[in-house]
Amino acid sequence: RHLLPAALAAALMGAVCIAGVGAAQSGPDAAHGKDLFVASCASCHGAG
């Protein structure tokens, strides 16, 4: 009962690390850039 949660947490942490490595190695994300622009830039440079 005590070991299973620890093993599950380790597996999840491993999955997060792998996902993080994949994200770091991928190229620029235009969709994420759009979200950033709408949130922080559109008020000055216009939504379009």
ModelCIF file with pLDDT and N, C-alpha, C, O atoms, coordinates in Angstrom:
data_MODEL
#
_entry.id   MODEL 
#
_entity.id                         1 
_entity.type                       polymer 
_entity.pdbx_number_of_molecules   1 
#
_entity_poly.entity_id                      1 
_entity_poly.type                           'polypeptide(L)' 
_entity_poly.nstd_linkage                   no 
_entity_poly.nstd_monomer                   no 
_entity_poly.pdbx_seq_one_letter_code       RHLLPAALAAALMGAVCIAGVGAAQSGPDAAHGKDLFVASCASCHGAG 
_entity_poly.pdbx_seq_one_letter_code_can   RHLLPAALAAALMGAVCIAGVGAAQSGPDAAHGKDLFVASCASCHGAG 
_entity_poly.pdbx_strand_id                 A 
#
loop_
_entity_poly_seq.entity_id 
_entity_poly_seq.num 
_entity_poly_seq.mon_id 
_entity_poly_seq.hetero 
1 1  ARG n 
1 2  HIS n 
1 3  LEU n 
1 4  LEU n 
1 5  PRO n 
1 6  ALA n 
1 7  ALA n 
1 8  LEU n 
1 9  ALA n 
1 10 ALA n 
1 11 ALA n 
1 12 LEU n 
1 13 MET n 
1 14 GLY n 
1 15 ALA n 
1 16 VAL n 
1 17 CYS n 
1 18 ILE n 
1 19 ALA n 
1 20 GLY n 
1 21 VAL n 
1 22 GLY n 
1 23 ALA n 
1 24 ALA n 
1 25 GLN n 
1 26 SER n 
1 27 GLY n 
1 28 PRO n 
1 29 ASP n 
1 30 ALA n 
1 31 ALA n 
1 32 HIS n 
1 33 GLY n 
1 34 LYS n 
1 35 ASP n 
1 36 LEU n 
1 37 PHE n 
1 38 VAL n 
1 39 ALA n 
1 40 SER n 
1 41 CYS n 
1 42 ALA n 
1 43 SER n 
1 44 CYS n 
1 45 HIS n 
1 46 GLY n 
1 47 ALA n 
1 48 GLY n 
#
_struct_asym.id          A 
_struct_asym.entity_id   1 
#
loop_
_ma_qa_metric.id 
_ma_qa_metric.mode 
_ma_qa_metric.name 
_ma_qa_metric.software_group_id 
_ma_qa_metric.type 
1 global pLDDT . pLDDT 
2 local  pLDDT . pLDDT 
#
_ma_qa_metric_global.metric_id      1 
_ma_qa_metric_global.metric_value   60.67 
_ma_qa_metric_global.model_id       1 
_ma_qa_metric_global.ordinal_id     1 
#
loop_
_ma_qa_metric_local.label_asym_id 
_ma_qa_metric_local.label_comp_id 
_ma_qa_metric_local.label_seq_id 
_ma_qa_metric_local.metric_id 
_ma_qa_metric_local.metric_value 
_ma_qa_metric_local.model_id 
_ma_qa_metric_local.ordinal_id 
A ARG 1  2 42.00 1 1  
A HIS 2  2 43.00 1 2  
A LEU 3  2 39.00 1 3  
A LEU 4  2 39.00 1 4  
A PRO 5  2 42.00 1 5  
A ALA 6  2 41.00 1 6  
A ALA 7  2 39.00 1 7  
A LEU 8  2 36.00 1 8  
A ALA 9  2 38.00 1 9  
A ALA 10 2 39.00 1 10 
A ALA 11 2 39.00 1 11 
A LEU 12 2 37.00 1 12 
A MET 13 2 40.00 1 13 
A GLY 14 2 40.00 1 14 
A ALA 15 2 36.00 1 15 
A VAL 16 2 35.00 1 16 
A CYS 17 2 37.00 1 17 
A ILE 18 2 34.00 1 18 
A ALA 19 2 36.00 1 19 
A GLY 20 2 38.00 1 20 
A VAL 21 2 38.00 1 21 
A GLY 22 2 39.00 1 22 
A ALA 23 2 41.00 1 23 
A ALA 24 2 43.00 1 24 
A GLN 25 2 44.00 1 25 
A SER 26 2 64.00 1 26 
A GLY 27 2 80.00 1 27 
A PRO 28 2 87.00 1 28 
A ASP 29 2 89.00 1 29 
A ALA 30 2 86.00 1 30 
A ALA 31 2 89.00 1 31 
A HIS 32 2 90.00 1 32 
A GLY 33 2 83.00 1 33 
A LYS 34 2 89.00 1 34 
A ASP 35 2 89.00 1 35 
A LEU 36 2 88.00 1 36 
A PHE 37 2 84.00 1 37 
A VAL 38 2 87.00 1 38 
A ALA 39 2 87.00 1 39 
A SER 40 2 86.00 1 40 
A CYS 41 2 86.00 1 41 
A ALA 42 2 82.00 1 42 
A SER 43 2 82.00 1 43 
A CYS 44 2 84.00 1 44 
A HIS 45 2 84.00 1 45 
A GLY 46 2 82.00 1 46 
A ALA 47 2 79.00 1 47 
A GLY 48 2 80.00 1 48 
#
loop_
_atom_site.group_PDB 
_atom_site.id 
_atom_site.type_symbol 
_atom_site.label_atom_id 
_atom_site.label_alt_id 
_atom_site.label_comp_id 
_atom_site.label_asym_id 
_atom_site.label_entity_id 
_atom_site.label_seq_id 
_atom_site.pdbx_PDB_ins_code 
_atom_site.Cartn_x 
_atom_site.Cartn_y 
_atom_site.Cartn_z 
_atom_site.occupancy 
_atom_site.B_iso_or_equiv 
_atom_site.pdbx_formal_charge 
_atom_site.auth_seq_id 
_atom_site.auth_comp_id 
_atom_site.auth_asym_id 
_atom_site.auth_atom_id 
_atom_site.pdbx_PDB_model_num 
ATOM 1   N N  . ARG A 1 1  ? 0.828  -1.203 0.000   1.00 42.00 ? 1  ARG A N  1 
ATOM 2   C CA . ARG A 1 1  ? 0.000  0.000  0.000   1.00 42.00 ? 1  ARG A CA 1 
ATOM 3   C C  . ARG A 1 1  ? 0.866  1.257  0.000   1.00 42.00 ? 1  ARG A C  1 
ATOM 4   O O  . ARG A 1 1  ? 0.488  2.257  -0.610  1.00 42.00 ? 1  ARG A O  1 
ATOM 5   N N  . HIS A 1 2  ? 2.006  1.228  0.664   1.00 43.00 ? 2  HIS A N  1 
ATOM 6   C CA . HIS A 1 2  ? 2.887  2.395  0.703   1.00 43.00 ? 2  HIS A CA 1 
ATOM 7   C C  . HIS A 1 2  ? 3.761  2.501  -0.539  1.00 43.00 ? 2  HIS A C  1 
ATOM 8   O O  . HIS A 1 2  ? 4.122  3.606  -0.944  1.00 43.00 ? 2  HIS A O  1 
ATOM 9   N N  . LEU A 1 3  ? 4.104  1.385  -1.145  1.00 39.00 ? 3  LEU A N  1 
ATOM 10  C CA . LEU A 1 3  ? 5.014  1.405  -2.284  1.00 39.00 ? 3  LEU A CA 1 
ATOM 11  C C  . LEU A 1 3  ? 4.303  1.791  -3.573  1.00 39.00 ? 3  LEU A C  1 
ATOM 12  O O  . LEU A 1 3  ? 4.908  2.460  -4.411  1.00 39.00 ? 3  LEU A O  1 
ATOM 13  N N  . LEU A 1 4  ? 3.051  1.404  -3.769  1.00 39.00 ? 4  LEU A N  1 
ATOM 14  C CA . LEU A 1 4  ? 2.349  1.674  -5.020  1.00 39.00 ? 4  LEU A CA 1 
ATOM 15  C C  . LEU A 1 4  ? 2.216  3.170  -5.306  1.00 39.00 ? 4  LEU A C  1 
ATOM 16  O O  . LEU A 1 4  ? 2.506  3.584  -6.429  1.00 39.00 ? 4  LEU A O  1 
ATOM 17  N N  . PRO A 1 5  ? 1.785  4.018  -4.334  1.00 42.00 ? 5  PRO A N  1 
ATOM 18  C CA . PRO A 1 5  ? 1.739  5.456  -4.632  1.00 42.00 ? 5  PRO A CA 1 
ATOM 19  C C  . PRO A 1 5  ? 3.095  6.023  -5.011  1.00 42.00 ? 5  PRO A C  1 
ATOM 20  O O  . PRO A 1 5  ? 3.177  6.880  -5.890  1.00 42.00 ? 5  PRO A O  1 
ATOM 21  N N  . ALA A 1 6  ? 4.163  5.561  -4.365  1.00 41.00 ? 6  ALA A N  1 
ATOM 22  C CA . ALA A 1 6  ? 5.493  6.064  -4.690  1.00 41.00 ? 6  ALA A CA 1 
ATOM 23  C C  . ALA A 1 6  ? 5.888  5.674  -6.107  1.00 41.00 ? 6  ALA A C  1 
ATOM 24  O O  . ALA A 1 6  ? 6.454  6.477  -6.850  1.00 41.00 ? 6  ALA A O  1 
ATOM 25  N N  . ALA A 1 7  ? 5.578  4.415  -6.476  1.00 39.00 ? 7  ALA A N  1 
ATOM 26  C CA . ALA A 1 7  ? 5.907  3.969  -7.834  1.00 39.00 ? 7  ALA A CA 1 
ATOM 27  C C  . ALA A 1 7  ? 5.106  4.742  -8.863  1.00 39.00 ? 7  ALA A C  1 
ATOM 28  O O  . ALA A 1 7  ? 5.636  5.115  -9.910  1.00 39.00 ? 7  ALA A O  1 
ATOM 29  N N  . LEU A 1 8  ? 3.812  4.993  -8.572  1.00 36.00 ? 8  LEU A N  1 
ATOM 30  C CA . LEU A 1 8  ? 2.979  5.740  -9.497  1.00 36.00 ? 8  LEU A CA 1 
ATOM 31  C C  . LEU A 1 8  ? 3.499  7.173  -9.661  1.00 36.00 ? 8  LEU A C  1 
ATOM 32  O O  . LEU A 1 8  ? 3.528  7.704  -10.771 1.00 36.00 ? 8  LEU A O  1 
ATOM 33  N N  . ALA A 1 9  ? 3.909  7.793  -8.546  1.00 38.00 ? 9  ALA A N  1 
ATOM 34  C CA . ALA A 1 9  ? 4.447  9.156  -8.610  1.00 38.00 ? 9  ALA A CA 1 
ATOM 35  C C  . ALA A 1 9  ? 5.722  9.191  -9.435  1.00 38.00 ? 9  ALA A C  1 
ATOM 36  O O  . ALA A 1 9  ? 5.936  10.117 -10.218 1.00 38.00 ? 9  ALA A O  1 
ATOM 37  N N  . ALA A 1 10 ? 6.588  8.161  -9.255  1.00 39.00 ? 10 ALA A N  1 
ATOM 38  C CA . ALA A 1 10 ? 7.834  8.122  -10.033 1.00 39.00 ? 10 ALA A CA 1 
ATOM 39  C C  . ALA A 1 10 ? 7.539  7.978  -11.513 1.00 39.00 ? 10 ALA A C  1 
ATOM 40  O O  . ALA A 1 10 ? 8.186  8.610  -12.348 1.00 39.00 ? 10 ALA A O  1 
ATOM 41  N N  . ALA A 1 11 ? 6.550  7.137  -11.838 1.00 39.00 ? 11 ALA A N  1 
ATOM 42  C CA . ALA A 1 11 ? 6.199  6.964  -13.255 1.00 39.00 ? 11 ALA A CA 1 
ATOM 43  C C  . ALA A 1 11 ? 5.666  8.254  -13.846 1.00 39.00 ? 11 ALA A C  1 
ATOM 44  O O  . ALA A 1 11 ? 6.009  8.605  -14.975 1.00 39.00 ? 11 ALA A O  1 
ATOM 45  N N  . LEU A 1 12 ? 4.820  8.976  -13.089 1.00 37.00 ? 12 LEU A N  1 
ATOM 46  C CA . LEU A 1 12 ? 4.286  10.248 -13.578 1.00 37.00 ? 12 LEU A CA 1 
ATOM 47  C C  . LEU A 1 12 ? 5.387  11.275 -13.768 1.00 37.00 ? 12 LEU A C  1 
ATOM 48  O O  . LEU A 1 12 ? 5.410  12.000 -14.763 1.00 37.00 ? 12 LEU A O  1 
ATOM 49  N N  . MET A 1 13 ? 6.302  11.333 -12.805 1.00 40.00 ? 13 MET A N  1 
ATOM 50  C CA . MET A 1 13 ? 7.418  12.271 -12.926 1.00 40.00 ? 13 MET A CA 1 
ATOM 51  C C  . MET A 1 13 ? 8.242  11.959 -14.163 1.00 40.00 ? 13 MET A C  1 
ATOM 52  O O  . MET A 1 13 ? 8.691  12.866 -14.864 1.00 40.00 ? 13 MET A O  1 
ATOM 53  N N  . GLY A 1 14 ? 8.442  10.663 -14.432 1.00 40.00 ? 14 GLY A N  1 
ATOM 54  C CA . GLY A 1 14 ? 9.185  10.288 -15.633 1.00 40.00 ? 14 GLY A CA 1 
ATOM 55  C C  . GLY A 1 14 ? 8.472  10.725 -16.891 1.00 40.00 ? 14 GLY A C  1 
ATOM 56  O O  . GLY A 1 14 ? 9.102  11.173 -17.849 1.00 40.00 ? 14 GLY A O  1 
ATOM 57  N N  . ALA A 1 15 ? 7.140  10.595 -16.887 1.00 36.00 ? 15 ALA A N  1 
ATOM 58  C CA . ALA A 1 15 ? 6.368  11.014 -18.056 1.00 36.00 ? 15 ALA A CA 1 
ATOM 59  C C  . ALA A 1 15 ? 6.460  12.509 -18.248 1.00 36.00 ? 15 ALA A C  1 
ATOM 60  O O  . ALA A 1 15 ? 6.582  12.979 -19.379 1.00 36.00 ? 15 ALA A O  1 
ATOM 61  N N  . VAL A 1 16 ? 6.403  13.280 -17.146 1.00 35.00 ? 16 VAL A N  1 
ATOM 62  C CA . VAL A 1 16 ? 6.517  14.737 -17.239 1.00 35.00 ? 16 VAL A CA 1 
ATOM 63  C C  . VAL A 1 16 ? 7.878  15.140 -17.776 1.00 35.00 ? 16 VAL A C  1 
ATOM 64  O O  . VAL A 1 16 ? 7.978  16.030 -18.621 1.00 35.00 ? 16 VAL A O  1 
ATOM 65  N N  . CYS A 1 17 ? 8.926  14.488 -17.290 1.00 37.00 ? 17 CYS A N  1 
ATOM 66  C CA . CYS A 1 17 ? 10.277 14.817 -17.772 1.00 37.00 ? 17 CYS A CA 1 
ATOM 67  C C  . CYS A 1 17 ? 10.407 14.533 -19.258 1.00 37.00 ? 17 CYS A C  1 
ATOM 68  O O  . CYS A 1 17 ? 10.975 15.331 -20.004 1.00 37.00 ? 17 CYS A O  1 
ATOM 69  N N  . ILE A 1 18 ? 9.880  13.399 -19.685 1.00 34.00 ? 18 ILE A N  1 
ATOM 70  C CA . ILE A 1 18 ? 9.976  13.053 -21.100 1.00 34.00 ? 18 ILE A CA 1 
ATOM 71  C C  . ILE A 1 18 ? 9.202  14.063 -21.932 1.00 34.00 ? 18 ILE A C  1 
ATOM 72  O O  . ILE A 1 18 ? 9.671  14.507 -22.980 1.00 34.00 ? 18 ILE A O  1 
ATOM 73  N N  . ALA A 1 19 ? 7.990  14.430 -21.447 1.00 36.00 ? 19 ALA A N  1 
ATOM 74  C CA . ALA A 1 19 ? 7.201  15.423 -22.181 1.00 36.00 ? 19 ALA A CA 1 
ATOM 75  C C  . ALA A 1 19 ? 7.927  16.750 -22.232 1.00 36.00 ? 19 ALA A C  1 
ATOM 76  O O  . ALA A 1 19 ? 7.886  17.445 -23.247 1.00 36.00 ? 19 ALA A O  1 
ATOM 77  N N  . GLY A 1 20 ? 8.595  17.109 -21.136 1.00 38.00 ? 20 GLY A N  1 
ATOM 78  C CA . GLY A 1 20 ? 9.325  18.365 -21.121 1.00 38.00 ? 20 GLY A CA 1 
ATOM 79  C C  . GLY A 1 20 ? 10.461 18.369 -22.109 1.00 38.00 ? 20 GLY A C  1 
ATOM 80  O O  . GLY A 1 20 ? 10.699 19.372 -22.782 1.00 38.00 ? 20 GLY A O  1 
ATOM 81  N N  . VAL A 1 21 ? 11.174 17.245 -22.206 1.00 38.00 ? 21 VAL A N  1 
ATOM 82  C CA . VAL A 1 21 ? 12.269 17.155 -23.174 1.00 38.00 ? 21 VAL A CA 1 
ATOM 83  C C  . VAL A 1 21 ? 11.731 17.292 -24.580 1.00 38.00 ? 21 VAL A C  1 
ATOM 84  O O  . VAL A 1 21 ? 12.320 17.992 -25.404 1.00 38.00 ? 21 VAL A O  1 
ATOM 85  N N  . GLY A 1 22 ? 10.613 16.628 -24.870 1.00 39.00 ? 22 GLY A N  1 
ATOM 86  C CA . GLY A 1 22 ? 10.026 16.719 -26.201 1.00 39.00 ? 22 GLY A CA 1 
ATOM 87  C C  . GLY A 1 22 ? 9.641  18.137 -26.534 1.00 39.00 ? 22 GLY A C  1 
ATOM 88  O O  . GLY A 1 22 ? 9.850  18.590 -27.660 1.00 39.00 ? 22 GLY A O  1 
ATOM 89  N N  . ALA A 1 23 ? 9.064  18.867 -25.546 1.00 41.00 ? 23 ALA A N  1 
ATOM 90  C CA . ALA A 1 23 ? 8.647  20.243 -25.805 1.00 41.00 ? 23 ALA A CA 1 
ATOM 91  C C  . ALA A 1 23 ? 9.837  21.128 -26.057 1.00 41.00 ? 23 ALA A C  1 
ATOM 92  O O  . ALA A 1 23 ? 9.788  22.022 -26.901 1.00 41.00 ? 23 ALA A O  1 
ATOM 93  N N  . ALA A 1 24 ? 10.924 20.879 -25.318 1.00 43.00 ? 24 ALA A N  1 
ATOM 94  C CA . ALA A 1 24 ? 12.111 21.725 -25.486 1.00 43.00 ? 24 ALA A CA 1 
ATOM 95  C C  . ALA A 1 24 ? 12.747 21.518 -26.842 1.00 43.00 ? 24 ALA A C  1 
ATOM 96  O O  . ALA A 1 24 ? 13.346 22.433 -27.408 1.00 43.00 ? 24 ALA A O  1 
ATOM 97  N N  . GLN A 1 25 ? 12.610 20.299 -27.362 1.00 44.00 ? 25 GLN A N  1 
ATOM 98  C CA . GLN A 1 25 ? 13.268 20.004 -28.626 1.00 44.00 ? 25 GLN A CA 1 
ATOM 99  C C  . GLN A 1 25 ? 12.422 20.412 -29.827 1.00 44.00 ? 25 GLN A C  1 
ATOM 100 O O  . GLN A 1 25 ? 12.933 20.509 -30.943 1.00 44.00 ? 25 GLN A O  1 
ATOM 101 N N  . SER A 1 26 ? 11.099 20.658 -29.597 1.00 64.00 ? 26 SER A N  1 
ATOM 102 C CA . SER A 1 26 ? 10.259 21.023 -30.728 1.00 64.00 ? 26 SER A CA 1 
ATOM 103 C C  . SER A 1 26 ? 10.498 22.470 -31.118 1.00 64.00 ? 26 SER A C  1 
ATOM 104 O O  . SER A 1 26 ? 11.103 23.228 -30.361 1.00 64.00 ? 26 SER A O  1 
ATOM 105 N N  . GLY A 1 27 ? 10.019 22.864 -32.318 1.00 80.00 ? 27 GLY A N  1 
ATOM 106 C CA . GLY A 1 27 ? 10.211 24.213 -32.800 1.00 80.00 ? 27 GLY A CA 1 
ATOM 107 C C  . GLY A 1 27 ? 9.213  25.180 -32.194 1.00 80.00 ? 27 GLY A C  1 
ATOM 108 O O  . GLY A 1 27 ? 8.420  24.805 -31.331 1.00 80.00 ? 27 GLY A O  1 
ATOM 109 N N  . PRO A 1 28 ? 9.253  26.444 -32.654 1.00 87.00 ? 28 PRO A N  1 
ATOM 110 C CA . PRO A 1 28 ? 8.327  27.455 -32.144 1.00 87.00 ? 28 PRO A CA 1 
ATOM 111 C C  . PRO A 1 28 ? 6.873  27.052 -32.366 1.00 87.00 ? 28 PRO A C  1 
ATOM 112 O O  . PRO A 1 28 ? 6.530  26.426 -33.369 1.00 87.00 ? 28 PRO A O  1 
ATOM 113 N N  . ASP A 1 29 ? 6.032  27.422 -31.410 1.00 89.00 ? 29 ASP A N  1 
ATOM 114 C CA . ASP A 1 29 ? 4.617  27.056 -31.434 1.00 89.00 ? 29 ASP A CA 1 
ATOM 115 C C  . ASP A 1 29 ? 3.800  28.306 -31.757 1.00 89.00 ? 29 ASP A C  1 
ATOM 116 O O  . ASP A 1 29 ? 3.611  29.168 -30.898 1.00 89.00 ? 29 ASP A O  1 
ATOM 117 N N  . ALA A 1 30 ? 3.317  28.401 -33.000 1.00 86.00 ? 30 ALA A N  1 
ATOM 118 C CA . ALA A 1 30 ? 2.555  29.579 -33.420 1.00 86.00 ? 30 ALA A CA 1 
ATOM 119 C C  . ALA A 1 30 ? 1.240  29.683 -32.652 1.00 86.00 ? 30 ALA A C  1 
ATOM 120 O O  . ALA A 1 30 ? 0.786  30.789 -32.361 1.00 86.00 ? 30 ALA A O  1 
ATOM 121 N N  . ALA A 1 31 ? 0.620  28.547 -32.319 1.00 89.00 ? 31 ALA A N  1 
ATOM 122 C CA . ALA A 1 31 ? -0.646 28.581 -31.576 1.00 89.00 ? 31 ALA A CA 1 
ATOM 123 C C  . ALA A 1 31 ? -0.429 29.186 -30.196 1.00 89.00 ? 31 ALA A C  1 
ATOM 124 O O  . ALA A 1 31 ? -1.227 30.003 -29.736 1.00 89.00 ? 31 ALA A O  1 
ATOM 125 N N  . HIS A 1 32 ? 0.663  28.780 -29.534 1.00 90.00 ? 32 HIS A N  1 
ATOM 126 C CA . HIS A 1 32 ? 0.977  29.358 -28.228 1.00 90.00 ? 32 HIS A CA 1 
ATOM 127 C C  . HIS A 1 32 ? 1.334  30.839 -28.384 1.00 90.00 ? 32 HIS A C  1 
ATOM 128 O O  . HIS A 1 32 ? 1.006  31.664 -27.531 1.00 90.00 ? 32 HIS A O  1 
ATOM 129 N N  . GLY A 1 33 ? 2.007  31.156 -29.486 1.00 83.00 ? 33 GLY A N  1 
ATOM 130 C CA . GLY A 1 33 ? 2.328  32.557 -29.743 1.00 83.00 ? 33 GLY A CA 1 
ATOM 131 C C  . GLY A 1 33 ? 1.077  33.400 -29.895 1.00 83.00 ? 33 GLY A C  1 
ATOM 132 O O  . GLY A 1 33 ? 1.047  34.547 -29.450 1.00 83.00 ? 33 GLY A O  1 
ATOM 133 N N  . LYS A 1 34 ? 0.045  32.850 -30.515 1.00 89.00 ? 34 LYS A N  1 
ATOM 134 C CA . LYS A 1 34 ? -1.223 33.582 -30.662 1.00 89.00 ? 34 LYS A CA 1 
ATOM 135 C C  . LYS A 1 34 ? -1.843 33.857 -29.298 1.00 89.00 ? 34 LYS A C  1 
ATOM 136 O O  . LYS A 1 34 ? -2.333 34.957 -29.043 1.00 89.00 ? 34 LYS A O  1 
ATOM 137 N N  . ASP A 1 35 ? -1.821 32.846 -28.413 1.00 89.00 ? 35 ASP A N  1 
ATOM 138 C CA . ASP A 1 35 ? -2.370 33.044 -27.071 1.00 89.00 ? 35 ASP A CA 1 
ATOM 139 C C  . ASP A 1 35 ? -1.612 34.139 -26.328 1.00 89.00 ? 35 ASP A C  1 
ATOM 140 O O  . ASP A 1 35 ? -2.215 34.978 -25.660 1.00 89.00 ? 35 ASP A O  1 
ATOM 141 N N  . LEU A 1 36 ? -0.274 34.124 -26.450 1.00 88.00 ? 36 LEU A N  1 
ATOM 142 C CA . LEU A 1 36 ? 0.538  35.157 -25.799 1.00 88.00 ? 36 LEU A CA 1 
ATOM 143 C C  . LEU A 1 36 ? 0.222  36.537 -26.367 1.00 88.00 ? 36 LEU A C  1 
ATOM 144 O O  . LEU A 1 36 ? 0.124  37.519 -25.631 1.00 88.00 ? 36 LEU A O  1 
ATOM 145 N N  . PHE A 1 37 ? 0.064  36.594 -27.697 1.00 84.00 ? 37 PHE A N  1 
ATOM 146 C CA . PHE A 1 37 ? -0.202 37.874 -28.349 1.00 84.00 ? 37 PHE A CA 1 
ATOM 147 C C  . PHE A 1 37 ? -1.539 38.443 -27.889 1.00 84.00 ? 37 PHE A C  1 
ATOM 148 O O  . PHE A 1 37 ? -1.629 39.622 -27.546 1.00 84.00 ? 37 PHE A O  1 
ATOM 149 N N  . VAL A 1 38 ? -2.579 37.607 -27.880 1.00 87.00 ? 38 VAL A N  1 
ATOM 150 C CA . VAL A 1 38 ? -3.910 38.067 -27.467 1.00 87.00 ? 38 VAL A CA 1 
ATOM 151 C C  . VAL A 1 38 ? -3.878 38.562 -26.030 1.00 87.00 ? 38 VAL A C  1 
ATOM 152 O O  . VAL A 1 38 ? -4.518 39.559 -25.696 1.00 87.00 ? 38 VAL A O  1 
ATOM 153 N N  . ALA A 1 39 ? -3.127 37.861 -25.177 1.00 87.00 ? 39 ALA A N  1 
ATOM 154 C CA . ALA A 1 39 ? -3.107 38.205 -23.760 1.00 87.00 ? 39 ALA A CA 1 
ATOM 155 C C  . ALA A 1 39 ? -2.276 39.440 -23.463 1.00 87.00 ? 39 ALA A C  1 
ATOM 156 O O  . ALA A 1 39 ? -2.634 40.218 -22.579 1.00 87.00 ? 39 ALA A O  1 
ATOM 157 N N  . SER A 1 40 ? -1.172 39.643 -24.180 1.00 86.00 ? 40 SER A N  1 
ATOM 158 C CA . SER A 1 40 ? -0.227 40.685 -23.775 1.00 86.00 ? 40 SER A CA 1 
ATOM 159 C C  . SER A 1 40 ? 0.083  41.734 -24.829 1.00 86.00 ? 40 SER A C  1 
ATOM 160 O O  . SER A 1 40 ? 0.607  42.793 -24.485 1.00 86.00 ? 40 SER A O  1 
ATOM 161 N N  . CYS A 1 41 ? -0.220 41.483 -26.105 1.00 86.00 ? 41 CYS A N  1 
ATOM 162 C CA . CYS A 1 41 ? 0.238  42.389 -27.167 1.00 86.00 ? 41 CYS A CA 1 
ATOM 163 C C  . CYS A 1 41 ? -0.894 43.053 -27.939 1.00 86.00 ? 41 CYS A C  1 
ATOM 164 O O  . CYS A 1 41 ? -0.723 44.147 -28.475 1.00 86.00 ? 41 CYS A O  1 
ATOM 165 N N  . ALA A 1 42 ? -2.051 42.397 -27.998 1.00 82.00 ? 42 ALA A N  1 
ATOM 166 C CA . ALA A 1 42 ? -3.132 42.900 -28.854 1.00 82.00 ? 42 ALA A CA 1 
ATOM 167 C C  . ALA A 1 42 ? -3.649 44.254 -28.404 1.00 82.00 ? 42 ALA A C  1 
ATOM 168 O O  . ALA A 1 42 ? -4.144 45.024 -29.227 1.00 82.00 ? 42 ALA A O  1 
ATOM 169 N N  . SER A 1 43 ? -3.545 44.567 -27.107 1.00 82.00 ? 43 SER A N  1 
ATOM 170 C CA . SER A 1 43 ? -4.051 45.851 -26.618 1.00 82.00 ? 43 SER A CA 1 
ATOM 171 C C  . SER A 1 43 ? -3.304 47.017 -27.232 1.00 82.00 ? 43 SER A C  1 
ATOM 172 O O  . SER A 1 43 ? -3.857 48.112 -27.335 1.00 82.00 ? 43 SER A O  1 
ATOM 173 N N  . CYS A 1 44 ? -2.061 46.814 -27.644 1.00 84.00 ? 44 CYS A N  1 
ATOM 174 C CA . CYS A 1 44 ? -1.278 47.883 -28.280 1.00 84.00 ? 44 CYS A CA 1 
ATOM 175 C C  . CYS A 1 44 ? -1.255 47.732 -29.805 1.00 84.00 ? 44 CYS A C  1 
ATOM 176 O O  . CYS A 1 44 ? -1.420 48.713 -30.530 1.00 84.00 ? 44 CYS A O  1 
ATOM 177 N N  . HIS A 1 45 ? -1.050 46.493 -30.290 1.00 84.00 ? 45 HIS A N  1 
ATOM 178 C CA . HIS A 1 45 ? -0.831 46.276 -31.725 1.00 84.00 ? 45 HIS A CA 1 
ATOM 179 C C  . HIS A 1 45 ? -2.085 45.840 -32.478 1.00 84.00 ? 45 HIS A C  1 
ATOM 180 O O  . HIS A 1 45 ? -2.023 45.592 -33.682 1.00 84.00 ? 45 HIS A O  1 
ATOM 181 N N  . GLY A 1 46 ? -3.217 45.743 -31.790 1.00 82.00 ? 46 GLY A N  1 
ATOM 182 C CA . GLY A 1 46 ? -4.462 45.373 -32.464 1.00 82.00 ? 46 GLY A CA 1 
ATOM 183 C C  . GLY A 1 46 ? -4.636 43.873 -32.542 1.00 82.00 ? 46 GLY A C  1 
ATOM 184 O O  . GLY A 1 46 ? -3.668 43.136 -32.730 1.00 82.00 ? 46 GLY A O  1 
ATOM 185 N N  . ALA A 1 47 ? -5.884 43.416 -32.396 1.00 79.00 ? 47 ALA A N  1 
ATOM 186 C CA . ALA A 1 47 ? -6.142 41.975 -32.384 1.00 79.00 ? 47 ALA A CA 1 
ATOM 187 C C  . ALA A 1 47 ? -5.771 41.313 -33.702 1.00 79.00 ? 47 ALA A C  1 
ATOM 188 O O  . ALA A 1 47 ? -5.407 40.138 -33.713 1.00 79.00 ? 47 ALA A O  1 
ATOM 189 N N  . GLY A 1 48 ? -5.854 42.036 -34.811 1.00 80.00 ? 48 GLY A N  1 
ATOM 190 C CA . GLY A 1 48 ? -5.536 41.463 -36.114 1.00 80.00 ? 48 GLY A CA 1 
ATOM 191 C C  . GLY A 1 48 ? -4.184 41.888 -36.655 1.00 80.00 ? 48 GLY A C  1 
ATOM 192 O O  . GLY A 1 48 ? -3.798 41.473 -37.747 1.00 80.00 ? 48 GLY A O  1 
#
